[in-house]
Amino acid sequence: MDGSEPVCRPFDAARNGTILSEVAAVLVLEEEGHALERGAQIIAVIRGCGSAFDPAAKMDFSHKGRGLKDAIMLALEDASLNIGDIDYISACSNSTKGLDRMETLVIKEVFGSMRSTFLSAL
């Protein structure tokens, strides 16, 4: 730390901290048939999901990202999508060096370094 105010800048080599805060969110999902029946405008569709963890990580996340990689691959399979079908990746990005590096490693491993050049600052 250089004495300046901490700034949360995920994936930035010059980041100098995280911002602690509280947040709450509500996500309401509706079955597509019900939405169409009531004439709702469909703004997003969940095509697949994946959930995994890395049992080797114990009380902390694994810096190798096995659980994250498995979850991504399961989500792609569940959605019947290929890696090339993905246009946007929303990473956790909490600005901690360990997690940013792990996410970068997994994203590059799964999606290839050409599609993740924005993460090359790490």
N, C-alpha and C. Protein backbone atom coordinates (compact mmCIF):
# COMPACT_ATOMS: atom_id res chain seq x y z
N MET A 1 0.85 -1.18 0.00
CA MET A 1 0.00 0.00 0.00
C MET A 1 0.89 1.24 0.00
N ASP A 2 0.51 2.20 -0.78
CA ASP A 2 1.30 3.42 -0.90
C ASP A 2 0.69 4.58 -0.10
N GLY A 3 -0.30 4.31 0.72
CA GLY A 3 -0.94 5.35 1.51
C GLY A 3 -2.13 6.01 0.84
N SER A 4 -2.34 5.72 -0.43
CA SER A 4 -3.49 6.31 -1.12
C SER A 4 -4.76 5.55 -0.74
N GLU A 5 -5.90 6.16 -1.04
CA GLU A 5 -7.19 5.50 -0.78
C GLU A 5 -7.24 4.18 -1.55
N PRO A 6 -7.68 3.11 -0.88
CA PRO A 6 -7.83 1.84 -1.60
C PRO A 6 -8.86 1.95 -2.72
N VAL A 7 -8.55 1.40 -3.86
CA VAL A 7 -9.44 1.43 -5.00
C VAL A 7 -9.62 0.01 -5.50
N CYS A 8 -10.86 -0.40 -5.64
CA CYS A 8 -11.17 -1.73 -6.15
C CYS A 8 -11.07 -1.69 -7.66
N ARG A 9 -10.03 -2.31 -8.20
CA ARG A 9 -9.82 -2.37 -9.64
C ARG A 9 -9.50 -3.79 -10.03
N PRO A 10 -10.51 -4.64 -10.13
CA PRO A 10 -10.25 -6.04 -10.47
C PRO A 10 -9.43 -6.16 -11.76
N PHE A 11 -8.54 -7.12 -11.78
CA PHE A 11 -7.69 -7.44 -12.93
C PHE A 11 -6.75 -6.31 -13.30
N ASP A 12 -6.52 -5.36 -12.42
CA ASP A 12 -5.59 -4.25 -12.66
C ASP A 12 -4.34 -4.50 -11.84
N ALA A 13 -3.19 -4.55 -12.49
CA ALA A 13 -1.94 -4.82 -11.78
C ALA A 13 -1.64 -3.75 -10.73
N ALA A 14 -2.18 -2.55 -10.87
CA ALA A 14 -1.93 -1.46 -9.93
C ALA A 14 -3.01 -1.36 -8.85
N ARG A 15 -3.89 -2.35 -8.74
CA ARG A 15 -4.94 -2.27 -7.72
C ARG A 15 -4.28 -2.19 -6.35
N ASN A 16 -4.98 -1.57 -5.42
CA ASN A 16 -4.39 -1.42 -4.10
C ASN A 16 -5.38 -1.73 -2.98
N GLY A 17 -6.37 -2.54 -3.25
CA GLY A 17 -7.27 -2.92 -2.18
C GLY A 17 -8.63 -3.34 -2.68
N THR A 18 -9.43 -3.77 -1.75
CA THR A 18 -10.82 -4.10 -2.04
C THR A 18 -11.71 -3.15 -1.26
N ILE A 19 -12.92 -3.03 -1.69
CA ILE A 19 -13.88 -2.18 -1.01
C ILE A 19 -14.86 -3.10 -0.29
N LEU A 20 -14.91 -2.99 1.00
CA LEU A 20 -15.86 -3.79 1.77
C LEU A 20 -17.21 -3.10 1.74
N SER A 21 -18.23 -3.88 1.48
CA SER A 21 -19.57 -3.30 1.43
C SER A 21 -20.59 -4.40 1.63
N GLU A 22 -21.82 -4.01 1.79
CA GLU A 22 -22.91 -4.96 1.89
C GLU A 22 -23.78 -4.78 0.66
N VAL A 23 -24.42 -5.87 0.27
CA VAL A 23 -25.27 -5.80 -0.90
C VAL A 23 -26.42 -6.79 -0.73
N ALA A 24 -27.50 -6.49 -1.35
CA ALA A 24 -28.64 -7.41 -1.36
C ALA A 24 -29.23 -7.39 -2.77
N ALA A 25 -29.75 -8.50 -3.17
CA ALA A 25 -30.35 -8.59 -4.49
C ALA A 25 -31.49 -9.60 -4.46
N VAL A 26 -32.44 -9.41 -5.33
CA VAL A 26 -33.52 -10.35 -5.50
C VAL A 26 -33.59 -10.69 -6.98
N LEU A 27 -33.59 -11.95 -7.28
CA LEU A 27 -33.69 -12.41 -8.66
C LEU A 27 -34.97 -13.23 -8.76
N VAL A 28 -35.89 -12.76 -9.58
CA VAL A 28 -37.15 -13.46 -9.77
C VAL A 28 -37.11 -14.15 -11.12
N LEU A 29 -37.23 -15.46 -11.10
CA LEU A 29 -37.25 -16.25 -12.33
C LEU A 29 -38.65 -16.74 -12.58
N GLU A 30 -39.03 -16.70 -13.82
CA GLU A 30 -40.37 -17.13 -14.20
C GLU A 30 -40.27 -18.16 -15.31
N GLU A 31 -41.05 -19.18 -15.24
CA GLU A 31 -41.08 -20.19 -16.30
C GLU A 31 -41.49 -19.50 -17.60
N GLU A 32 -40.81 -19.84 -18.68
CA GLU A 32 -41.02 -19.15 -19.96
C GLU A 32 -42.48 -19.17 -20.42
N GLY A 33 -43.14 -20.30 -20.29
CA GLY A 33 -44.53 -20.42 -20.71
C GLY A 33 -45.44 -19.44 -19.98
N HIS A 34 -45.23 -19.26 -18.67
CA HIS A 34 -46.03 -18.30 -17.91
C HIS A 34 -45.79 -16.88 -18.39
N ALA A 35 -44.51 -16.55 -18.64
CA ALA A 35 -44.18 -15.21 -19.10
C ALA A 35 -44.83 -14.92 -20.45
N LEU A 36 -44.75 -15.87 -21.36
CA LEU A 36 -45.35 -15.68 -22.67
C LEU A 36 -46.87 -15.57 -22.57
N GLU A 37 -47.46 -16.36 -21.70
CA GLU A 37 -48.91 -16.35 -21.52
C GLU A 37 -49.42 -14.99 -21.04
N ARG A 38 -48.64 -14.33 -20.21
CA ARG A 38 -49.08 -13.02 -19.71
C ARG A 38 -48.56 -11.87 -20.56
N GLY A 39 -47.88 -12.20 -21.67
CA GLY A 39 -47.42 -11.18 -22.61
C GLY A 39 -46.18 -10.43 -22.16
N ALA A 40 -45.40 -11.01 -21.29
CA ALA A 40 -44.19 -10.34 -20.79
C ALA A 40 -43.12 -10.27 -21.87
N GLN A 41 -42.32 -9.21 -21.82
CA GLN A 41 -41.17 -9.10 -22.71
C GLN A 41 -40.04 -9.93 -22.09
N ILE A 42 -39.54 -10.92 -22.81
CA ILE A 42 -38.46 -11.77 -22.32
C ILE A 42 -37.15 -11.03 -22.55
N ILE A 43 -36.43 -10.73 -21.48
CA ILE A 43 -35.17 -9.99 -21.63
C ILE A 43 -33.95 -10.88 -21.45
N ALA A 44 -34.13 -12.06 -20.90
CA ALA A 44 -33.01 -12.98 -20.72
C ALA A 44 -33.55 -14.39 -20.53
N VAL A 45 -32.73 -15.34 -20.92
CA VAL A 45 -33.09 -16.75 -20.77
C VAL A 45 -31.89 -17.47 -20.17
N ILE A 46 -32.12 -18.25 -19.15
CA ILE A 46 -31.07 -19.08 -18.58
C ILE A 46 -31.06 -20.39 -19.35
N ARG A 47 -29.97 -20.64 -20.06
CA ARG A 47 -29.91 -21.83 -20.91
C ARG A 47 -29.25 -22.99 -20.21
N GLY A 48 -28.47 -22.72 -19.19
CA GLY A 48 -27.81 -23.81 -18.49
C GLY A 48 -27.12 -23.29 -17.25
N CYS A 49 -26.74 -24.20 -16.38
CA CYS A 49 -26.01 -23.81 -15.17
C CYS A 49 -25.07 -24.95 -14.79
N GLY A 50 -24.10 -24.62 -14.00
CA GLY A 50 -23.16 -25.62 -13.51
C GLY A 50 -22.71 -25.24 -12.12
N SER A 51 -22.55 -26.21 -11.27
CA SER A 51 -22.12 -25.97 -9.90
C SER A 51 -21.07 -27.00 -9.54
N ALA A 52 -19.97 -26.54 -8.99
CA ALA A 52 -18.90 -27.45 -8.61
C ALA A 52 -18.06 -26.78 -7.54
N PHE A 53 -17.28 -27.57 -6.84
CA PHE A 53 -16.33 -27.02 -5.89
C PHE A 53 -15.05 -27.85 -5.96
N ASP A 54 -14.03 -27.32 -5.36
CA ASP A 54 -12.75 -28.00 -5.35
C ASP A 54 -12.51 -28.54 -3.94
N PRO A 55 -12.70 -29.83 -3.74
CA PRO A 55 -12.54 -30.38 -2.38
C PRO A 55 -11.13 -30.23 -1.85
N ALA A 56 -10.15 -30.03 -2.72
CA ALA A 56 -8.77 -29.85 -2.27
C ALA A 56 -8.55 -28.46 -1.69
N ALA A 57 -9.48 -27.55 -1.92
CA ALA A 57 -9.32 -26.17 -1.48
C ALA A 57 -9.54 -26.00 0.03
N LYS A 58 -10.23 -26.92 0.67
CA LYS A 58 -10.54 -26.90 2.11
C LYS A 58 -11.21 -25.59 2.51
N MET A 59 -10.56 -24.78 3.33
CA MET A 59 -11.19 -23.58 3.87
C MET A 59 -10.96 -22.34 3.00
N ASP A 60 -10.23 -22.46 1.94
CA ASP A 60 -9.92 -21.33 1.07
C ASP A 60 -10.10 -21.79 -0.37
N PHE A 61 -10.20 -20.87 -1.31
CA PHE A 61 -10.33 -21.28 -2.70
C PHE A 61 -9.00 -21.83 -3.20
N SER A 62 -9.09 -22.71 -4.15
CA SER A 62 -7.89 -23.28 -4.76
C SER A 62 -7.37 -22.31 -5.80
N HIS A 63 -6.10 -22.06 -5.76
CA HIS A 63 -5.51 -21.15 -6.73
C HIS A 63 -5.40 -21.79 -8.11
N LYS A 64 -5.69 -23.08 -8.22
CA LYS A 64 -5.68 -23.76 -9.50
C LYS A 64 -7.03 -23.66 -10.20
N GLY A 65 -8.09 -23.40 -9.47
CA GLY A 65 -9.40 -23.15 -10.07
C GLY A 65 -10.14 -24.36 -10.58
N ARG A 66 -9.85 -25.54 -10.05
CA ARG A 66 -10.52 -26.76 -10.54
C ARG A 66 -12.03 -26.67 -10.44
N GLY A 67 -12.55 -26.19 -9.32
CA GLY A 67 -14.00 -26.08 -9.13
C GLY A 67 -14.62 -25.10 -10.12
N LEU A 68 -13.96 -23.96 -10.34
CA LEU A 68 -14.47 -22.98 -11.28
C LEU A 68 -14.49 -23.54 -12.70
N LYS A 69 -13.42 -24.19 -13.09
CA LYS A 69 -13.36 -24.78 -14.43
C LYS A 69 -14.45 -25.83 -14.60
N ASP A 70 -14.63 -26.69 -13.60
CA ASP A 70 -15.67 -27.72 -13.68
C ASP A 70 -17.06 -27.09 -13.80
N ALA A 71 -17.33 -26.02 -13.05
CA ALA A 71 -18.64 -25.35 -13.10
C ALA A 71 -18.88 -24.75 -14.48
N ILE A 72 -17.86 -24.13 -15.07
CA ILE A 72 -18.01 -23.55 -16.40
C ILE A 72 -18.31 -24.65 -17.42
N MET A 73 -17.55 -25.74 -17.36
CA MET A 73 -17.75 -26.83 -18.32
C MET A 73 -19.13 -27.47 -18.16
N LEU A 74 -19.59 -27.63 -16.91
CA LEU A 74 -20.93 -28.18 -16.67
C LEU A 74 -22.02 -27.25 -17.21
N ALA A 75 -21.84 -25.95 -17.04
CA ALA A 75 -22.82 -24.98 -17.54
C ALA A 75 -22.89 -25.02 -19.06
N LEU A 76 -21.74 -25.09 -19.71
CA LEU A 76 -21.71 -25.17 -21.18
C LEU A 76 -22.41 -26.44 -21.66
N GLU A 77 -22.13 -27.55 -21.00
CA GLU A 77 -22.75 -28.82 -21.38
C GLU A 77 -24.27 -28.77 -21.15
N ASP A 78 -24.68 -28.24 -20.00
CA ASP A 78 -26.10 -28.16 -19.68
C ASP A 78 -26.85 -27.30 -20.70
N ALA A 79 -26.19 -26.25 -21.19
CA ALA A 79 -26.82 -25.34 -22.15
C ALA A 79 -26.64 -25.80 -23.59
N SER A 80 -25.93 -26.88 -23.80
CA SER A 80 -25.61 -27.37 -25.15
C SER A 80 -24.91 -26.28 -25.97
N LEU A 81 -23.96 -25.60 -25.35
CA LEU A 81 -23.21 -24.55 -26.01
C LEU A 81 -21.75 -24.95 -26.15
N ASN A 82 -21.10 -24.37 -27.15
CA ASN A 82 -19.67 -24.54 -27.32
C ASN A 82 -18.97 -23.30 -26.81
N ILE A 83 -17.69 -23.40 -26.56
CA ILE A 83 -16.91 -22.27 -26.07
C ILE A 83 -17.05 -21.07 -27.01
N GLY A 84 -17.06 -21.30 -28.30
CA GLY A 84 -17.17 -20.22 -29.27
C GLY A 84 -18.51 -19.50 -29.26
N ASP A 85 -19.52 -20.08 -28.59
CA ASP A 85 -20.83 -19.45 -28.51
C ASP A 85 -20.89 -18.35 -27.46
N ILE A 86 -19.88 -18.26 -26.62
CA ILE A 86 -19.89 -17.32 -25.50
C ILE A 86 -19.35 -15.97 -25.95
N ASP A 87 -20.15 -14.92 -25.72
CA ASP A 87 -19.76 -13.56 -26.10
C ASP A 87 -19.34 -12.70 -24.91
N TYR A 88 -19.72 -13.11 -23.70
CA TYR A 88 -19.47 -12.26 -22.53
C TYR A 88 -19.17 -13.13 -21.33
N ILE A 89 -18.16 -12.75 -20.58
CA ILE A 89 -17.79 -13.45 -19.35
C ILE A 89 -17.88 -12.45 -18.21
N SER A 90 -18.64 -12.77 -17.19
CA SER A 90 -18.74 -11.92 -16.01
C SER A 90 -18.01 -12.63 -14.87
N ALA A 91 -16.83 -12.14 -14.56
CA ALA A 91 -16.01 -12.77 -13.53
C ALA A 91 -16.40 -12.24 -12.15
N CYS A 92 -15.98 -12.93 -11.13
CA CYS A 92 -16.25 -12.52 -9.74
C CYS A 92 -15.58 -11.18 -9.45
N SER A 93 -14.35 -11.05 -9.83
CA SER A 93 -13.61 -9.78 -9.78
C SER A 93 -13.70 -9.04 -8.45
N ASN A 94 -13.26 -9.68 -7.37
CA ASN A 94 -13.30 -8.98 -6.10
C ASN A 94 -12.03 -8.19 -5.83
N SER A 95 -11.12 -8.19 -6.77
CA SER A 95 -9.89 -7.40 -6.74
C SER A 95 -8.82 -7.95 -5.81
N THR A 96 -8.97 -9.17 -5.33
CA THR A 96 -7.87 -9.77 -4.58
C THR A 96 -6.95 -10.44 -5.58
N LYS A 97 -5.68 -10.31 -5.39
CA LYS A 97 -4.72 -10.82 -6.37
C LYS A 97 -4.86 -12.32 -6.58
N GLY A 98 -5.05 -13.09 -5.52
CA GLY A 98 -5.17 -14.53 -5.65
C GLY A 98 -6.37 -14.95 -6.47
N LEU A 99 -7.54 -14.38 -6.18
CA LEU A 99 -8.75 -14.75 -6.91
C LEU A 99 -8.72 -14.23 -8.34
N ASP A 100 -8.22 -13.01 -8.54
CA ASP A 100 -8.10 -12.48 -9.90
C ASP A 100 -7.19 -13.37 -10.75
N ARG A 101 -6.07 -13.81 -10.19
CA ARG A 101 -5.15 -14.68 -10.94
C ARG A 101 -5.81 -16.02 -11.26
N MET A 102 -6.50 -16.59 -10.26
CA MET A 102 -7.15 -17.88 -10.47
C MET A 102 -8.22 -17.77 -11.56
N GLU A 103 -9.05 -16.74 -11.50
CA GLU A 103 -10.08 -16.56 -12.53
C GLU A 103 -9.46 -16.34 -13.90
N THR A 104 -8.41 -15.55 -13.96
CA THR A 104 -7.72 -15.32 -15.22
C THR A 104 -7.18 -16.62 -15.79
N LEU A 105 -6.53 -17.41 -14.95
CA LEU A 105 -5.99 -18.70 -15.38
C LEU A 105 -7.08 -19.59 -15.95
N VAL A 106 -8.20 -19.70 -15.24
CA VAL A 106 -9.30 -20.58 -15.68
C VAL A 106 -9.94 -20.05 -16.96
N ILE A 107 -10.20 -18.75 -17.03
CA ILE A 107 -10.82 -18.19 -18.23
C ILE A 107 -9.93 -18.41 -19.45
N LYS A 108 -8.65 -18.19 -19.30
CA LYS A 108 -7.72 -18.41 -20.42
C LYS A 108 -7.64 -19.89 -20.77
N GLU A 109 -7.65 -20.75 -19.75
CA GLU A 109 -7.58 -22.19 -20.00
C GLU A 109 -8.82 -22.69 -20.73
N VAL A 110 -9.99 -22.23 -20.31
CA VAL A 110 -11.25 -22.70 -20.90
C VAL A 110 -11.52 -22.03 -22.25
N PHE A 111 -11.39 -20.71 -22.28
CA PHE A 111 -11.82 -19.96 -23.46
C PHE A 111 -10.67 -19.60 -24.40
N GLY A 112 -9.45 -19.80 -23.99
CA GLY A 112 -8.30 -19.49 -24.83
C GLY A 112 -7.80 -18.09 -24.61
N SER A 113 -6.51 -17.90 -24.77
CA SER A 113 -5.90 -16.60 -24.48
C SER A 113 -6.33 -15.52 -25.46
N MET A 114 -6.67 -15.87 -26.69
CA MET A 114 -7.09 -14.85 -27.65
C MET A 114 -8.40 -14.18 -27.23
N ARG A 115 -9.29 -14.94 -26.59
CA ARG A 115 -10.59 -14.38 -26.19
C ARG A 115 -10.49 -13.69 -24.85
N SER A 116 -9.35 -13.75 -24.18
CA SER A 116 -9.24 -13.14 -22.86
C SER A 116 -8.06 -12.20 -22.78
N THR A 117 -7.77 -11.47 -23.87
CA THR A 117 -6.64 -10.56 -23.87
C THR A 117 -6.84 -9.40 -22.91
N PHE A 118 -8.08 -9.09 -22.55
CA PHE A 118 -8.33 -8.02 -21.61
C PHE A 118 -7.82 -8.35 -20.21
N LEU A 119 -7.48 -9.61 -19.97
CA LEU A 119 -6.98 -10.01 -18.67
C LEU A 119 -5.46 -10.12 -18.63
N SER A 120 -4.79 -9.68 -19.69
CA SER A 120 -3.35 -9.89 -19.80
C SER A 120 -2.53 -9.01 -18.85
N ALA A 121 -3.15 -8.04 -18.20
CA ALA A 121 -2.40 -7.18 -17.27
C ALA A 121 -1.86 -7.94 -16.08
N LEU A 122 -2.45 -9.10 -15.77
CA LEU A 122 -1.96 -9.88 -14.65
C LEU A 122 -0.73 -10.61 -15.07
